[in-house]
Amino acid sequence: MAFLPGSILRQGDAYTLRFERHLPHPVKRVWTALTEPEYLAKWMAPATVDLQPGGVFILDFAHDPKVMEGKITRVREYALLEYTWGGDVGPRSLVTWELLPQGPEACLLVLTHSKLTEDVQGFGAGWHTHIDLMAEVLDGTRDEFTWDDDWWRSKLPDYGTGS
C-alpha cells in the first residue's frame, strides 16, 4: 500500500509535518505498534518506553549511531501519545500521534511533528517511510526491520528542502 506524502506547514522559523493514514486495523492494535518496544523495533528502532507523562521515550538508532531521548508530555490510552524529540537525533521538537476510530476494524492515524527548525526534508522522508513500515508490520508482511541507506531517499523530493 503506497501512501501520499505528508504536509509541511511553516510557522515563523519552525516547521510542522503532518501525516494522516487510514489503517485497516483496530485502534488497540495500532496503539500497541506505537507504544510497545517489541513492535517499535520492527518498524522504527529499539525503544525504551515509560508510558506516562514525564516518562522516557527513547529510540536507539544503532546503525547511525544516534539516540533520540524524549519525554512523554501527554498520553491518553488508545487515543494520544505525545513526546519531545531530542538527544543527538535532530532538534528538540514535539511528536504527537493521534488515533481516531473508523469503525471497529480501522482507524485514522495522525502524526504531527512540530517545532522543527532543521532537516524538515529528512524528517518528512523518514516519517513517511516509518509509517509505511508500521503498516507492513500491522499487515503481517514485515516482522523485522533492517537499515538500508536508500530505504527513505526516494521520498526526499516529496518534502522539498524544508530547511
Protein backbone atom coordinates (compact mmCIF):
# COMPACT_ATOMS: atom_id res chain seq x y z
CA MET A 1 0.00 0.00 0.00
CA ALA A 2 1.53 3.34 -1.05
CA PHE A 3 0.75 6.41 0.99
CA LEU A 4 0.56 10.03 -0.07
CA PRO A 5 3.19 12.42 1.26
CA GLY A 6 2.61 14.33 4.46
CA SER A 7 2.08 18.07 4.52
CA ILE A 8 4.50 20.77 5.66
CA LEU A 9 3.42 23.99 7.38
CA ARG A 10 5.84 26.81 8.10
CA GLN A 11 5.21 28.78 11.30
CA GLY A 12 7.77 31.56 11.66
CA ASP A 13 11.20 29.95 11.88
CA ALA A 14 9.80 26.46 12.56
CA TYR A 15 8.01 23.80 10.54
CA THR A 16 5.30 21.26 11.28
CA LEU A 17 4.98 17.95 9.44
CA ARG A 18 1.57 16.27 9.43
CA PHE A 19 0.66 12.80 8.19
CA GLU A 20 -2.76 11.16 8.05
CA ARG A 21 -3.12 7.46 7.27
CA HIS A 22 -6.23 5.32 7.20
CA LEU A 23 -5.22 1.92 8.55
CA PRO A 24 -7.37 -1.20 8.28
CA HIS A 25 -6.57 -2.15 11.87
CA PRO A 26 -8.33 -1.52 15.18
CA VAL A 27 -7.11 1.33 17.37
CA LYS A 28 -5.83 -1.05 20.08
CA ARG A 29 -3.58 -2.85 17.60
CA VAL A 30 -2.13 0.40 16.22
CA TRP A 31 -1.63 1.68 19.78
CA THR A 32 0.43 -1.43 20.53
CA ALA A 33 2.63 -0.73 17.49
CA LEU A 34 3.20 2.86 18.72
CA THR A 35 3.91 2.09 22.38
CA GLU A 36 5.34 -1.41 22.82
CA PRO A 37 9.14 -1.69 22.41
CA GLU A 38 8.80 -5.13 20.79
CA TYR A 39 6.75 -3.59 17.97
CA LEU A 40 8.61 -0.27 17.70
CA ALA A 41 11.79 -2.26 16.95
CA LYS A 42 10.04 -3.84 13.93
CA TRP A 43 9.29 -0.53 12.19
CA MET A 44 11.41 2.23 13.75
CA ALA A 45 14.14 1.38 16.27
CA PRO A 46 14.77 -0.44 19.53
CA ALA A 47 12.94 1.54 22.19
CA THR A 48 12.52 2.20 25.89
CA VAL A 49 9.05 3.48 26.78
CA ASP A 50 7.72 4.54 30.18
CA LEU A 51 4.13 5.19 29.13
CA GLN A 52 3.17 8.03 31.48
CA PRO A 53 3.54 11.82 31.49
CA GLY A 54 7.18 12.58 32.28
CA GLY A 55 8.21 9.06 31.29
CA VAL A 56 11.03 8.40 28.86
CA PHE A 57 10.60 7.62 25.18
CA ILE A 58 13.98 6.55 23.83
CA LEU A 59 14.77 5.30 20.33
CA ASP A 60 18.20 3.77 19.70
CA PHE A 61 19.11 4.24 16.05
CA ALA A 62 22.13 1.96 16.50
CA HIS A 63 23.01 1.99 12.80
CA ASP A 64 23.91 5.71 12.93
CA PRO A 65 24.72 5.56 15.98
CA LYS A 66 22.27 8.07 17.37
CA VAL A 67 19.86 8.01 20.27
CA MET A 68 16.64 10.01 20.42
CA GLU A 69 15.89 10.80 24.05
CA GLY A 70 12.40 12.16 24.54
CA LYS A 71 10.00 12.68 27.39
CA ILE A 72 6.32 11.83 27.21
CA THR A 73 4.29 15.00 27.61
CA ARG A 74 0.76 13.62 27.13
CA VAL A 75 -0.80 10.19 26.91
CA ARG A 76 -4.41 9.01 26.61
CA GLU A 77 -4.55 5.26 26.15
CA TYR A 78 -5.65 4.21 22.65
CA ALA A 79 -6.04 7.85 21.57
CA LEU A 80 -2.98 10.11 22.01
CA LEU A 81 0.76 9.83 22.55
CA GLU A 82 2.97 12.92 22.60
CA TYR A 83 6.68 13.17 23.37
CA THR A 84 9.60 15.51 22.89
CA TRP A 85 12.10 14.58 20.21
CA GLY A 86 15.69 15.31 21.08
CA GLY A 87 19.03 13.97 22.16
CA ASP A 88 21.58 13.64 19.38
CA VAL A 89 18.92 12.92 16.72
CA GLY A 90 17.74 16.24 15.34
CA PRO A 91 16.50 19.36 17.09
CA ARG A 92 14.30 19.46 20.20
CA SER A 93 10.78 19.22 18.79
CA LEU A 94 7.41 17.61 19.55
CA VAL A 95 5.92 14.40 18.13
CA THR A 96 2.17 13.78 18.52
CA TRP A 97 0.39 10.59 17.48
CA GLU A 98 -3.41 10.55 17.45
CA LEU A 99 -5.65 7.54 16.79
CA LEU A 100 -9.24 8.09 15.70
CA PRO A 101 -11.51 5.02 15.41
CA GLN A 102 -13.05 4.49 11.97
CA GLY A 103 -15.35 1.63 12.95
CA PRO A 104 -14.33 -1.47 14.91
CA GLU A 105 -11.61 -2.63 12.49
CA ALA A 106 -9.97 0.58 11.25
CA CYS A 107 -8.53 3.86 12.44
CA LEU A 108 -7.14 7.15 11.25
CA LEU A 109 -3.54 7.65 12.35
CA VAL A 110 -2.46 11.29 12.58
CA LEU A 111 1.21 12.11 13.17
CA THR A 112 2.24 15.70 13.78
CA HIS A 113 5.91 16.59 14.25
CA SER A 114 6.09 20.25 15.24
CA LYS A 115 8.72 22.83 16.22
CA LEU A 116 11.18 21.54 13.61
CA THR A 117 13.92 24.03 12.82
CA GLU A 118 16.19 21.88 10.64
CA ASP A 119 16.21 18.85 8.33
CA VAL A 120 12.49 19.00 7.56
CA GLN A 121 13.12 17.14 4.31
CA GLY A 122 14.87 14.29 6.13
CA PHE A 123 12.23 14.08 8.84
CA GLY A 124 9.46 14.12 6.22
CA ALA A 125 11.00 11.29 4.20
CA GLY A 126 11.86 9.38 7.38
CA TRP A 127 8.42 9.59 8.96
CA HIS A 128 6.77 8.76 5.64
CA THR A 129 8.85 5.60 5.36
CA HIS A 130 8.47 4.61 9.02
CA ILE A 131 4.68 4.88 8.75
CA ASP A 132 4.83 2.69 5.63
CA LEU A 133 6.91 0.16 7.60
CA MET A 134 4.49 0.27 10.56
CA ALA A 135 1.62 -0.50 8.18
CA GLU A 136 3.56 -3.53 6.90
CA VAL A 137 4.10 -4.75 10.49
CA LEU A 138 0.37 -4.31 11.20
CA ASP A 139 -0.50 -6.12 7.94
CA GLY A 140 1.76 -9.02 8.94
CA THR A 141 4.07 -8.61 5.94
CA ARG A 142 7.08 -7.39 7.97
CA ASP A 143 8.45 -9.00 11.10
CA GLU A 144 11.90 -7.45 11.25
CA PHE A 145 13.39 -4.06 10.46
CA THR A 146 16.84 -3.68 8.98
CA TRP A 147 18.50 -0.42 7.99
CA ASP A 148 19.26 0.25 4.36
CA ASP A 149 20.75 3.64 3.47
CA ASP A 150 18.41 4.03 0.49
CA TRP A 151 15.16 2.96 2.18
CA TRP A 152 13.89 6.54 2.54
CA ARG A 153 15.83 8.52 -0.07
CA SER A 154 13.21 8.05 -2.79
CA LYS A 155 10.77 10.09 -0.68
CA LEU A 156 13.07 13.12 -0.16
CA PRO A 157 11.75 15.00 -3.23
CA ASP A 158 8.23 14.86 -1.76
CA TYR A 159 9.39 17.10 1.10
CA GLY A 160 11.39 19.78 -0.74
CA THR A 161 14.34 21.30 1.03
CA GLY A 162 12.41 22.44 4.10
CA SER A 163 15.42 23.99 5.81
